[in-house]
PDB file of N, CA and C in Angstrom:
ATOM      1  N   MET A   1      23.315 130.367   3.825  1.00  0.00           N
ATOM      2  CA  MET A   1      23.511 130.689   5.012  1.00  0.00           C
ATOM      3  C   MET A   1      23.505 132.419   5.110  1.00  0.00           C
ATOM      4  N   GLN A   2      22.791 133.158   5.772  1.00  0.00           N
ATOM      5  CA  GLN A   2      22.498 134.488   5.755  1.00  0.00           C
ATOM      6  C   GLN A   2      23.837 135.052   6.935  1.00  0.00           C
ATOM      7  N   PRO A   3      24.032 136.182   6.404  1.00  0.00           N
ATOM      8  CA  PRO A   3      25.177 136.877   7.313  1.00  0.00           C
ATOM      9  C   PRO A   3      24.884 136.925   8.860  1.00  0.00           C
ATOM     10  N   GLU A   4      23.621 136.929   9.209  1.00  0.00           N
ATOM     11  CA  GLU A   4      22.938 137.050  10.641  1.00  0.00           C
ATOM     12  C   GLU A   4      23.239 135.908  10.990  1.00  0.00           C
ATOM     13  N   ASP A   5      23.186 134.760  10.170  1.00  0.00           N
ATOM     14  CA  ASP A   5      23.076 133.425  11.049  1.00  0.00           C
ATOM     15  C   ASP A   5      24.399 133.024  11.302  1.00  0.00           C
ATOM     16  N   ILE A   6      25.618 133.701  10.328  1.00  0.00           N
ATOM     17  CA  ILE A   6      27.135 133.543  10.653  1.00  0.00           C
ATOM     18  C   ILE A   6      27.426 134.224  11.869  1.00  0.00           C
ATOM     19  N   VAL A   7      27.034 135.551  11.995  1.00  0.00           N
ATOM     20  CA  VAL A   7      27.092 136.431  13.231  1.00  0.00           C
ATOM     21  C   VAL A   7      26.816 135.600  14.442  1.00  0.00           C
ATOM     22  N   SER A   8      25.809 135.281  14.495  1.00  0.00           N
ATOM     23  CA  SER A   8      25.043 134.407  15.559  1.00  0.00           C
ATOM     24  C   SER A   8      25.444 133.337  15.994  1.00  0.00           C
ATOM     25  N   GLN A   9      26.336 132.409  15.135  1.00  0.00           N
ATOM     26  CA  GLN A   9      27.131 131.308  15.388  1.00  0.00           C
ATOM     27  C   GLN A   9      28.451 131.751  16.023  1.00  0.00           C
ATOM     28  N   LEU A  10      28.906 132.940  15.308  1.00  0.00           N
ATOM     29  CA  LEU A  10      30.527 133.549  15.822  1.00  0.00           C
ATOM     30  C   LEU A  10      30.171 133.725  16.997  1.00  0.00           C
ATOM     31  N   LYS A  11      29.143 134.372  17.611  1.00  0.00           N
ATOM     32  CA  LYS A  11      28.746 134.796  19.165  1.00  0.00           C
ATOM     33  C   LYS A  11      28.405 133.820  19.808  1.00  0.00           C
ATOM     34  N   ARG A  12      27.803 132.739  19.386  1.00  0.00           N
ATOM     35  CA  ARG A  12      27.547 131.564  20.250  1.00  0.00           C
ATOM     36  C   ARG A  12      28.969 130.823  20.496  1.00  0.00           C
ATOM     37  N   LYS A  13      29.700 130.934  19.908  1.00  0.00           N
ATOM     38  CA  LYS A  13      30.677 130.135  19.954  1.00  0.00           C
ATOM     39  C   LYS A  13      31.827 131.078  20.613  1.00  0.00           C
ATOM     40  N   GLY A  14      31.627 132.080  21.048  1.00  0.00           N
ATOM     41  CA  GLY A  14      32.603 133.225  21.558  1.00  0.00           C
ATOM     42  C   GLY A  14      33.744 133.678  20.989  1.00  0.00           C
ATOM     43  N   VAL A  15      33.586 133.713  19.490  1.00  0.00           N
ATOM     44  CA  VAL A  15      34.456 134.225  18.581  1.00  0.00           C
ATOM     45  C   VAL A  15      34.490 135.831  18.763  1.00  0.00           C
ATOM     46  N   PHE A  16      33.740 136.553  18.938  1.00  0.00           N
ATOM     47  CA  PHE A  16      33.962 137.441  19.385  1.00  0.00           C
ATOM     48  C   PHE A  16      34.378 138.208  20.509  1.00  0.00           C
ATOM     49  N   ASP A  17      34.176 137.569  21.589  1.00  0.00           N
ATOM     50  CA  ASP A  17      34.881 137.785  22.767  1.00  0.00           C
ATOM     51  C   ASP A  17      36.305 137.538  22.711  1.00  0.00           C
ATOM     52  N   ASP A  18      36.987 136.238  21.723  1.00  0.00           N
ATOM     53  CA  ASP A  18      38.249 135.708  21.788  1.00  0.00           C
ATOM     54  C   ASP A  18      38.936 136.971  20.913  1.00  0.00           C
ATOM     55  N   PHE A  19      38.421 137.697  19.786  1.00  0.00           N
ATOM     56  CA  PHE A  19      39.003 138.915  19.204  1.00  0.00           C
ATOM     57  C   PHE A  19      38.859 139.843  20.224  1.00  0.00           C
ATOM     58  N   ARG A  20      37.899 140.284  20.910  1.00  0.00           N
ATOM     59  CA  ARG A  20      37.849 141.515  21.748  1.00  0.00           C
ATOM     60  C   ARG A  20      38.931 141.565  22.556  1.00  0.00           C
ATOM     61  N   LYS A  21      39.411 140.168  23.224  1.00  0.00           N
ATOM     62  CA  LYS A  21      40.220 139.960  24.058  1.00  0.00           C
ATOM     63  C   LYS A  21      41.766 140.330  23.472  1.00  0.00           C
ATOM     64  N   GLN A  22      41.546 139.502  22.247  1.00  0.00           N
ATOM     65  CA  GLN A  22      43.067 139.826  21.530  1.00  0.00           C
ATOM     66  C   GLN A  22      43.232 141.247  21.080  1.00  0.00           C
ATOM     67  N   LEU A  23      42.564 141.938  20.598  1.00  0.00           N
ATOM     68  CA  LEU A  23      42.690 143.054  20.314  1.00  0.00           C
ATOM     69  C   LEU A  23      42.935 144.165  21.470  1.00  0.00           C
ATOM     70  N   LEU A  24      42.312 143.963  22.673  1.00  0.00           N
ATOM     71  CA  LEU A  24      42.561 144.594  23.836  1.00  0.00           C
ATOM     72  C   LEU A  24      44.196 144.346  24.392  1.00  0.00           C
ATOM     73  N   CYS A  25      44.557 143.148  24.279  1.00  0.00           N
ATOM     74  CA  CYS A  25      45.903 142.833  24.605  1.00  0.00           C
ATOM     75  C   CYS A  25      46.881 143.341  23.632  1.00  0.00           C
ATOM     76  N   ASP A  26      46.584 143.317  22.431  1.00  0.00           N
ATOM     77  CA  ASP A  26      47.422 144.055  21.568  1.00  0.00           C
ATOM     78  C   ASP A  26      47.386 145.536  21.634  1.00  0.00           C
ATOM     79  N   PHE A  27      46.444 146.288  21.863  1.00  0.00           N
ATOM     80  CA  PHE A  27      46.241 147.628  22.334  1.00  0.00           C
ATOM     81  C   PHE A  27      47.008 147.791  23.593  1.00  0.00           C
ATOM     82  N   GLN A  28      46.963 147.167  24.564  1.00  0.00           N
ATOM     83  CA  GLN A  28      47.593 147.384  25.923  1.00  0.00           C
ATOM     84  C   GLN A  28      49.220 147.278  25.792  1.00  0.00           C
ATOM     85  N   THR A  29      49.660 146.380  24.934  1.00  0.00           N
ATOM     86  CA  THR A  29      51.030 146.026  24.862  1.00  0.00           C
ATOM     87  C   THR A  29      51.786 146.842  23.555  1.00  0.00           C
ATOM     88  N   HIS A  30      51.157 147.889  22.722  1.00  0.00           N
ATOM     89  CA  HIS A  30      51.823 148.408  21.752  1.00  0.00           C
ATOM     90  C   HIS A  30      51.976 149.667  22.064  1.00  0.00           C
ATOM     91  N   ASP A  31      52.715 150.261  21.257  1.00  0.00           N
ATOM     92  CA  ASP A  31      52.652 151.753  21.452  1.00  0.00           C
ATOM     93  C   ASP A  31      51.532 152.527  21.470  1.00  0.00           C
ATOM     94  N   ILE A  32      50.517 152.501  20.405  1.00  0.00           N
ATOM     95  CA  ILE A  32      49.233 153.263  20.784  1.00  0.00           C
ATOM     96  C   ILE A  32      48.538 153.007  21.989  1.00  0.00           C
ATOM     97  N   GLY A  33      48.583 151.964  22.686  1.00  0.00           N
ATOM     98  CA  GLY A  33      47.904 151.831  23.831  1.00  0.00           C
ATOM     99  C   GLY A  33      48.794 152.652  24.987  1.00  0.00           C
ATOM    100  N   HIS A  34      50.232 152.696  24.815  1.00  0.00           N
ATOM    101  CA  HIS A  34      51.013 153.510  25.729  1.00  0.00           C
ATOM    102  C   HIS A  34      50.780 154.950  25.622  1.00  0.00           C
ATOM    103  N   GLN A  35      50.781 155.125  24.286  1.00  0.00           N
ATOM    104  CA  GLN A  35      50.666 156.697  24.123  1.00  0.00           C
ATOM    105  C   GLN A  35      49.390 157.279  24.430  1.00  0.00           C
ATOM    106  N   PHE A  36      48.173 156.368  24.226  1.00  0.00           N
ATOM    107  CA  PHE A  36      46.939 156.765  24.575  1.00  0.00           C
ATOM    108  C   PHE A  36      46.933 156.901  26.025  1.00  0.00           C
ATOM    109  N   ILE A  37      47.591 156.121  27.022  1.00  0.00           N
ATOM    110  CA  ILE A  37      47.552 156.146  28.246  1.00  0.00           C
ATOM    111  C   ILE A  37      48.242 157.497  28.886  1.00  0.00           C
ATOM    112  N   ASN A  38      49.467 157.528  28.408  1.00  0.00           N
ATOM    113  CA  ASN A  38      50.064 158.905  28.465  1.00  0.00           C
ATOM    114  C   ASN A  38      49.287 160.299  28.186  1.00  0.00           C
ATOM    115  N   VAL A  39      48.578 160.080  27.001  1.00  0.00           N
ATOM    116  CA  VAL A  39      47.537 161.358  26.638  1.00  0.00           C
ATOM    117  C   VAL A  39      46.595 161.550  27.757  1.00  0.00           C
ATOM    118  N   ILE A  40      46.154 160.331  28.201  1.00  0.00           N
ATOM    119  CA  ILE A  40      44.871 160.414  29.076  1.00  0.00           C
ATOM    120  C   ILE A  40      45.742 161.102  30.589  1.00  0.00           C
ATOM    121  N   GLN A  41      46.717 160.344  30.817  1.00  0.00           N
ATOM    122  CA  GLN A  41      47.302 160.768  32.147  1.00  0.00           C
ATOM    123  C   GLN A  41      47.635 162.508  32.228  1.00  0.00           C
ATOM    124  N   GLY A  42      48.166 163.097  31.089  1.00  0.00           N
ATOM    125  CA  GLY A  42      48.398 164.015  31.041  1.00  0.00           C
ATOM    126  C   GLY A  42      47.192 165.353  30.856  1.00  0.00           C
ATOM    127  N   HIS A  43      45.972 164.377  30.248  1.00  0.00           N
ATOM    128  CA  HIS A  43      44.945 165.482  30.398  1.00  0.00           C
ATOM    129  C   HIS A  43      44.280 165.456  31.758  1.00  0.00           C
ATOM    130  N   VAL A  44      44.407 164.452  32.541  1.00  0.00           N
ATOM    131  CA  VAL A  44      43.805 164.244  34.040  1.00  0.00           C
ATOM    132  C   VAL A  44      44.727 165.109  34.745  1.00  0.00           C
ATOM    133  N   GLU A  45      46.064 165.261  34.684  1.00  0.00           N
ATOM    134  CA  GLU A  45      46.952 166.078  35.421  1.00  0.00           C
ATOM    135  C   GLU A  45      46.700 167.527  35.321  1.00  0.00           C
ATOM    136  N   SER A  46      46.475 167.768  33.779  1.00  0.00           N
ATOM    137  CA  SER A  46      46.136 169.296  33.535  1.00  0.00           C
ATOM    138  C   SER A  46      44.913 169.727  34.179  1.00  0.00           C
ATOM    139  N   ILE A  47      43.893 168.976  34.126  1.00  0.00           N
ATOM    140  CA  ILE A  47      42.613 168.944  34.726  1.00  0.00           C
ATOM    141  C   ILE A  47      42.646 169.387  36.041  1.00  0.00           C
ATOM    142  N   VAL A  48      43.219 168.681  36.931  1.00  0.00           N
ATOM    143  CA  VAL A  48      43.714 168.546  38.254  1.00  0.00           C
ATOM    144  C   VAL A  48      44.496 169.893  38.534  1.00  0.00           C
ATOM    145  N   GLU A  49      45.248 170.182  37.870  1.00  0.00           N
ATOM    146  CA  GLU A  49      46.145 171.581  38.099  1.00  0.00           C
ATOM    147  C   GLU A  49      45.497 172.805  38.105  1.00  0.00           C
ATOM    148  N   ASN A  50      44.325 172.638  36.681  1.00  0.00           N
ATOM    149  CA  ASN A  50      43.471 173.846  36.662  1.00  0.00           C
ATOM    150  C   ASN A  50      42.465 173.888  37.673  1.00  0.00           C
ATOM    151  N   ASP A  51      42.102 172.788  38.594  1.00  0.00           N
ATOM    152  CA  ASP A  51      41.027 172.842  39.516  1.00  0.00           C
ATOM    153  C   ASP A  51      41.235 171.842  40.379  1.00  0.00           C
ATOM    154  N   PRO A  52      42.120 172.364  41.539  1.00  0.00           N
ATOM    155  CA  PRO A  52      42.486 171.203  42.385  1.00  0.00           C
ATOM    156  C   PRO A  52      41.416 170.837  43.416  1.00  0.00           C
ATOM    157  N   SER A  53      40.508 171.797  43.551  1.00  0.00           N
ATOM    158  CA  SER A  53      39.258 171.356  44.281  1.00  0.00           C
ATOM    159  C   SER A  53      38.399 169.962  43.605  1.00  0.00           C
ATOM    160  N   LEU A  54      38.729 169.414  42.431  1.00  0.00           N
ATOM    161  CA  LEU A  54      38.343 168.276  41.892  1.00  0.00           C
ATOM    162  C   LEU A  54      38.678 167.094  43.054  1.00  0.00           C
ATOM    163  N   LEU A  55      39.889 167.247  43.509  1.00  0.00           N
ATOM    164  CA  LEU A  55      40.338 166.295  44.479  1.00  0.00           C
ATOM    165  C   LEU A  55      39.375 166.017  45.708  1.00  0.00           C
ATOM    166  N   GLU A  56      39.015 167.047  46.026  1.00  0.00           N
ATOM    167  CA  GLU A  56      37.958 167.324  47.220  1.00  0.00           C
ATOM    168  C   GLU A  56      36.271 166.374  46.987  1.00  0.00           C
ATOM    169  N   LYS A  57      36.098 166.258  45.802  1.00  0.00           N
ATOM    170  CA  LYS A  57      35.004 165.845  45.491  1.00  0.00           C
ATOM    171  C   LYS A  57      34.918 164.304  45.764  1.00  0.00           C
ATOM    172  N   ASP A  58      33.605 163.540  46.012  1.00  0.00           N
ATOM    173  CA  ASP A  58      33.546 162.228  46.171  1.00  0.00           C
ATOM    174  C   ASP A  58      34.073 161.572  44.727  1.00  0.00           C
ATOM    175  N   ARG A  59      34.397 160.485  44.911  1.00  0.00           N
ATOM    176  CA  ARG A  59      34.844 159.654  43.900  1.00  0.00           C
ATOM    177  C   ARG A  59      34.062 159.477  42.656  1.00  0.00           C
ATOM    178  N   ALA A  60      32.854 159.208  42.809  1.00  0.00           N
ATOM    179  CA  ALA A  60      31.752 159.158  41.658  1.00  0.00           C
ATOM    180  C   ALA A  60      31.913 160.394  40.972  1.00  0.00           C
ATOM    181  N   THR A  61      31.694 161.579  41.488  1.00  0.00           N
ATOM    182  CA  THR A  61      31.616 162.895  40.995  1.00  0.00           C
ATOM    183  C   THR A  61      32.924 163.226  40.068  1.00  0.00           C
ATOM    184  N   PHE A  62      33.995 162.994  40.724  1.00  0.00           N
ATOM    185  CA  PHE A  62      35.070 163.012  40.247  1.00  0.00           C
ATOM    186  C   PHE A  62      35.271 162.212  39.041  1.00  0.00           C
ATOM    187  N   HIS A  63      34.854 161.091  39.280  1.00  0.00           N
ATOM    188  CA  HIS A  63      35.221 160.332  37.809  1.00  0.00           C
ATOM    189  C   HIS A  63      34.336 160.597  36.722  1.00  0.00           C
ATOM    190  N   MET A  64      33.091 160.994  36.971  1.00  0.00           N
ATOM    191  CA  MET A  64      32.036 161.481  35.924  1.00  0.00           C
ATOM    192  C   MET A  64      32.625 162.775  35.395  1.00  0.00           C
ATOM    193  N   LEU A  65      33.310 163.722  36.414  1.00  0.00           N
ATOM    194  CA  LEU A  65      33.940 165.098  35.627  1.00  0.00           C
ATOM    195  C   LEU A  65      35.004 164.613  34.718  1.00  0.00           C
ATOM    196  N   LEU A  66      35.881 163.686  35.333  1.00  0.00           N
ATOM    197  CA  LEU A  66      37.056 163.340  34.114  1.00  0.00           C
ATOM    198  C   LEU A  66      36.416 162.949  33.098  1.00  0.00           C
ATOM    199  N   MET A  67      35.579 161.855  33.238  1.00  0.00           N
ATOM    200  CA  MET A  67      35.147 161.149  32.132  1.00  0.00           C
ATOM    201  C   MET A  67      34.412 162.149  31.168  1.00  0.00           C
ATOM    202  N   ASP A  68      33.588 162.925  31.332  1.00  0.00           N
ATOM    203  CA  ASP A  68      33.151 164.103  30.565  1.00  0.00           C
ATOM    204  C   ASP A  68      34.232 164.880  29.950  1.00  0.00           C
ATOM    205  N   SER A  69      35.344 165.414  30.640  1.00  0.00           N
ATOM    206  CA  SER A  69      36.074 165.763  30.034  1.00  0.00           C
ATOM    207  C   SER A  69      37.155 165.209  28.905  1.00  0.00           C
ATOM    208  N   ILE A  70      37.194 163.990  29.123  1.00  0.00           N
ATOM    209  CA  ILE A  70      38.097 163.117  28.147  1.00  0.00           C
ATOM    210  C   ILE A  70      37.379 162.879  27.148  1.00  0.00           C
ATOM    211  N   GLU A  71      35.908 162.595  27.108  1.00  0.00           N
ATOM    212  CA  GLU A  71      34.922 162.688  26.033  1.00  0.00           C
ATOM    213  C   GLU A  71      35.075 163.841  25.072  1.00  0.00           C
ATOM    214  N   LYS A  72      34.945 164.711  25.751  1.00  0.00           N
ATOM    215  CA  LYS A  72      34.645 166.300  25.045  1.00  0.00           C
ATOM    216  C   LYS A  72      35.995 166.410  24.273  1.00  0.00           C
ATOM    217  N   SER A  73      37.173 165.820  24.771  1.00  0.00           N
ATOM    218  CA  SER A  73      38.402 166.232  24.217  1.00  0.00           C
ATOM    219  C   SER A  73      38.725 165.630  22.789  1.00  0.00           C
ATOM    220  N   GLY A  74      38.047 164.720  22.390  1.00  0.00           N
ATOM    221  CA  GLY A  74      38.062 164.034  21.069  1.00  0.00           C
ATOM    222  C   GLY A  74      39.167 162.678  21.233  1.00  0.00           C
ATOM    223  N   TYR A  75      39.631 162.508  22.290  1.00  0.00           N
ATOM    224  CA  TYR A  75      40.718 161.715  22.284  1.00  0.00           C
ATOM    225  C   TYR A  75      40.216 160.236  22.217  1.00  0.00           C
ATOM    226  N   TYR A  76      39.118 159.902  22.374  1.00  0.00           N
ATOM    227  CA  TYR A  76      38.496 158.551  22.130  1.00  0.00           C
ATOM    228  C   TYR A  76      38.104 158.397  20.238  1.00  0.00           C
ATOM    229  N   LYS A  77      37.578 159.399  19.846  1.00  0.00           N
ATOM    230  CA  LYS A  77      37.225 159.721  18.415  1.00  0.00           C
ATOM    231  C   LYS A  77      38.758 159.197  17.783  1.00  0.00           C
ATOM    232  N   THR A  78      39.384 159.841  18.200  1.00  0.00           N
ATOM    233  CA  THR A  78      40.780 159.860  17.204  1.00  0.00           C
ATOM    234  C   THR A  78      41.301 158.298  17.464  1.00  0.00           C
ATOM    235  N   LEU A  79      41.105 157.733  18.788  1.00  0.00           N
ATOM    236  CA  LEU A  79      41.768 156.514  19.006  1.00  0.00           C
ATOM    237  C   LEU A  79      41.065 155.397  18.298  1.00  0.00           C
ATOM    238  N   GLU A  80      39.708 155.680  18.227  1.00  0.00           N
ATOM    239  CA  GLU A  80      38.758 154.877  17.445  1.00  0.00           C
ATOM    240  C   GLU A  80      39.384 154.750  15.865  1.00  0.00           C
ATOM    241  N   LYS A  81      39.381 155.909  15.577  1.00  0.00           N
ATOM    242  CA  LYS A  81      39.849 155.970  14.299  1.00  0.00           C
ATOM    243  C   LYS A  81      41.095 155.387  13.789  1.00  0.00           C
ATOM    244  N   ASP A  82      42.243 155.651  14.581  1.00  0.00           N
ATOM    245  CA  ASP A  82      43.469 154.947  14.539  1.00  0.00           C
ATOM    246  C   ASP A  82      43.460 153.267  14.615  1.00  0.00           C
ATOM    247  N   LEU A  83      42.583 152.912  15.602  1.00  0.00           N
ATOM    248  CA  LEU A  83      42.496 151.667  15.917  1.00  0.00           C
ATOM    249  C   LEU A  83      41.846 150.825  14.715  1.00  0.00           C
ATOM    250  N   THR A  84      40.730 151.676  14.023  1.00  0.00           N
ATOM    251  CA  THR A  84      40.120 150.870  13.027  1.00  0.00           C
ATOM    252  C   THR A  84      40.782 150.743  11.878  1.00  0.00           C
ATOM    253  N   ALA A  85      41.495 151.842  11.533  1.00  0.00           N
ATOM    254  CA  ALA A  85      42.468 151.753  10.733  1.00  0.00           C
ATOM    255  C   ALA A  85      43.727 150.880  10.831  1.00  0.00           C
ATOM    256  N   LYS A  86      44.208 150.473  11.896  1.00  0.00           N
ATOM    257  CA  LYS A  86      45.014 149.492  12.383  1.00  0.00           C
ATOM    258  C   LYS A  86      44.480 148.431  12.106  1.00  0.00           C
ATOM    259  N   VAL A  87      43.325 147.883  12.494  1.00  0.00           N
ATOM    260  CA  VAL A  87      42.558 146.567  12.429  1.00  0.00           C
ATOM    261  C   VAL A  87      42.638 146.473  10.838  1.00  0.00           C
ATOM    262  N   LYS A  88      42.139 147.437  10.126  1.00  0.00           N
ATOM    263  CA  LYS A  88      41.923 147.058   8.632  1.00  0.00           C
ATOM    264  C   LYS A  88      43.282 146.744   7.735  1.00  0.00           C
ATOM    265  N   GLN A  89      44.367 147.238   8.473  1.00  0.00           N
ATOM    266  CA  GLN A  89      45.689 146.994   7.739  1.00  0.00           C
ATOM    267  C   GLN A  89      46.361 145.799   8.249  1.00  0.00           C
ATOM    268  N   ASP A  90      45.679 145.218   9.496  1.00  0.00           N
ATOM    269  CA  ASP A  90      46.149 143.832   9.939  1.00  0.00           C
ATOM    270  C   ASP A  90      46.012 142.697   9.185  1.00  0.00           C
ATOM    271  N   THR A  91      46.812 142.136   8.161  1.00  0.00           N
ATOM    272  CA  THR A  91      46.253 140.965   7.545  1.00  0.00           C
ATOM    273  C   THR A  91      46.151 139.869   8.344  1.00  0.00           C
ATOM    274  N   ASN A  92      47.013 139.687   9.171  1.00  0.00           N
ATOM    275  CA  ASN A  92      46.864 138.442  10.276  1.00  0.00           C
ATOM    276  C   ASN A  92      45.260 138.352  10.748  1.00  0.00           C
ATOM    277  N   PHE A  93      45.065 139.662  11.111  1.00  0.00           N
ATOM    278  CA  PHE A  93      43.663 139.531  12.016  1.00  0.00           C
ATOM    279  C   PHE A  93      42.507 139.332  10.853  1.00  0.00           C
ATOM    280  N   GLN A  94      42.652 140.087   9.633  1.00  0.00           N
ATOM    281  CA  GLN A  94      41.817 139.745   8.585  1.00  0.00           C
ATOM    282  C   GLN A  94      41.697 138.586   8.341  1.00  0.00           C
ATOM    283  N   ALA A  95      42.712 137.698   8.274  1.00  0.00           N
ATOM    284  CA  ALA A  95      43.083 136.118   7.773  1.00  0.00           C
ATOM    285  C   ALA A  95      42.183 135.513   9.160  1.00  0.00           C
ATOM    286  N   SER A  96      42.373 135.732  10.361  1.00  0.00           N
ATOM    287  CA  SER A  96      41.806 134.861  11.348  1.00  0.00           C
ATOM    288  C   SER A  96      40.163 135.103  11.153  1.00  0.00           C
ATOM    289  N   VAL A  97      39.726 136.330  10.743  1.00  0.00           N
ATOM    290  CA  VAL A  97      38.341 136.771  10.992  1.00  0.00           C
ATOM    291  C   VAL A  97      37.986 135.601   9.951  1.00  0.00           C
ATOM    292  N   GLN A  98      38.530 135.780   8.524  1.00  0.00           N
ATOM    293  CA  GLN A  98      37.856 134.847   7.469  1.00  0.00           C
ATOM    294  C   GLN A  98      37.995 133.666   7.896  1.00  0.00           C
ATOM    295  N   GLU A  99      39.013 133.140   8.513  1.00  0.00           N
ATOM    296  CA  GLU A  99      38.950 131.574   9.014  1.00  0.00           C
ATOM    297  C   GLU A  99      37.776 131.134   9.672  1.00  0.00           C
ATOM    298  N   LYS A 100      37.619 132.140  10.586  1.00  0.00           N
ATOM    299  CA  LYS A 100      36.395 131.565  11.698  1.00  0.00           C
ATOM    300  C   LYS A 100      35.065 131.667  10.765  1.00  0.00           C
ATOM    301  N   ILE A 101      34.812 132.726  10.016  1.00  0.00           N
ATOM    302  CA  ILE A 101      33.701 132.680   8.953  1.00  0.00           C
ATOM    303  C   ILE A 101      33.609 131.607   8.256  1.00  0.00           C
ATOM    304  N   ASP A 102      34.812 130.730   7.454  1.00  0.00           N
ATOM    305  CA  ASP A 102      34.655 129.801   6.855  1.00  0.00           C
ATOM    306  C   ASP A 102      34.400 128.427   7.265  1.00  0.00           C
ATOM    307  N   GLN A 103      34.943 128.476   8.632  1.00  0.00           N
ATOM    308  CA  GLN A 103      34.668 127.701   9.625  1.00  0.00           C
ATOM    309  C   GLN A 103      32.973 127.337   9.952  1.00  0.00           C
ATOM    310  N   VAL A 104      32.404 128.476   9.929  1.00  0.00           N
ATOM    311  CA  VAL A 104      31.099 128.561  10.509  1.00  0.00           C
ATOM    312  C   VAL A 104      30.318 127.835   8.988  1.00  0.00           C
ATOM    313  N   ILE A 105      30.719 128.300   8.051  1.00  0.00           N
ATOM    314  CA  ILE A 105      30.027 127.967   6.545  1.00  0.00           C
ATOM    315  C   ILE A 105      30.225 126.485   6.503  1.00  0.00           C
ATOM    316  N   GLN A 106      31.368 126.108   6.565  1.00  0.00           N
ATOM    317  CA  GLN A 106      31.787 124.712   6.200  1.00  0.00           C
ATOM    318  C   GLN A 106      30.849 123.686   7.112  1.00  0.00           C
ATOM    319  N   ASN A 107      30.639 124.130   8.380  1.00  0.00           N
ATOM    320  CA  ASN A 107      30.357 123.449   9.421  1.00  0.00           C
ATOM    321  C   ASN A 107      28.682 123.222   9.300  1.00  0.00           C
ATOM    322  N   GLN A 108      28.333 124.457   8.400  1.00  0.00           N
ATOM    323  CA  GLN A 108      26.659 124.326   7.949  1.00  0.00           C
ATOM    324  C   GLN A 108      25.979 123.110   7.443  1.00  0.00           C
TER     325      GLN A 108
END
């Protein structure tokens, strides 16, 4: 069985969605998620303090300007690096992934 076949079967069985939901839930309930929210809130407050006229813009424009600023800030890249390291160190998560892969291979 080729790696592509394993990935395809895992996708069909919804395993990736389950892992995504699990990771999102873990992120939202742990310190790293709370810290990220606080950083983003502080960033947004700072942007609005520096340019209060942003609040007068329509929602879509305001959202676009905020998202551009957040993306340029590097917060997402830092978060991605931290989360990737966390997932790589999480032996329970790694074991769960391996278990699902082994199940696909055994059912072949």
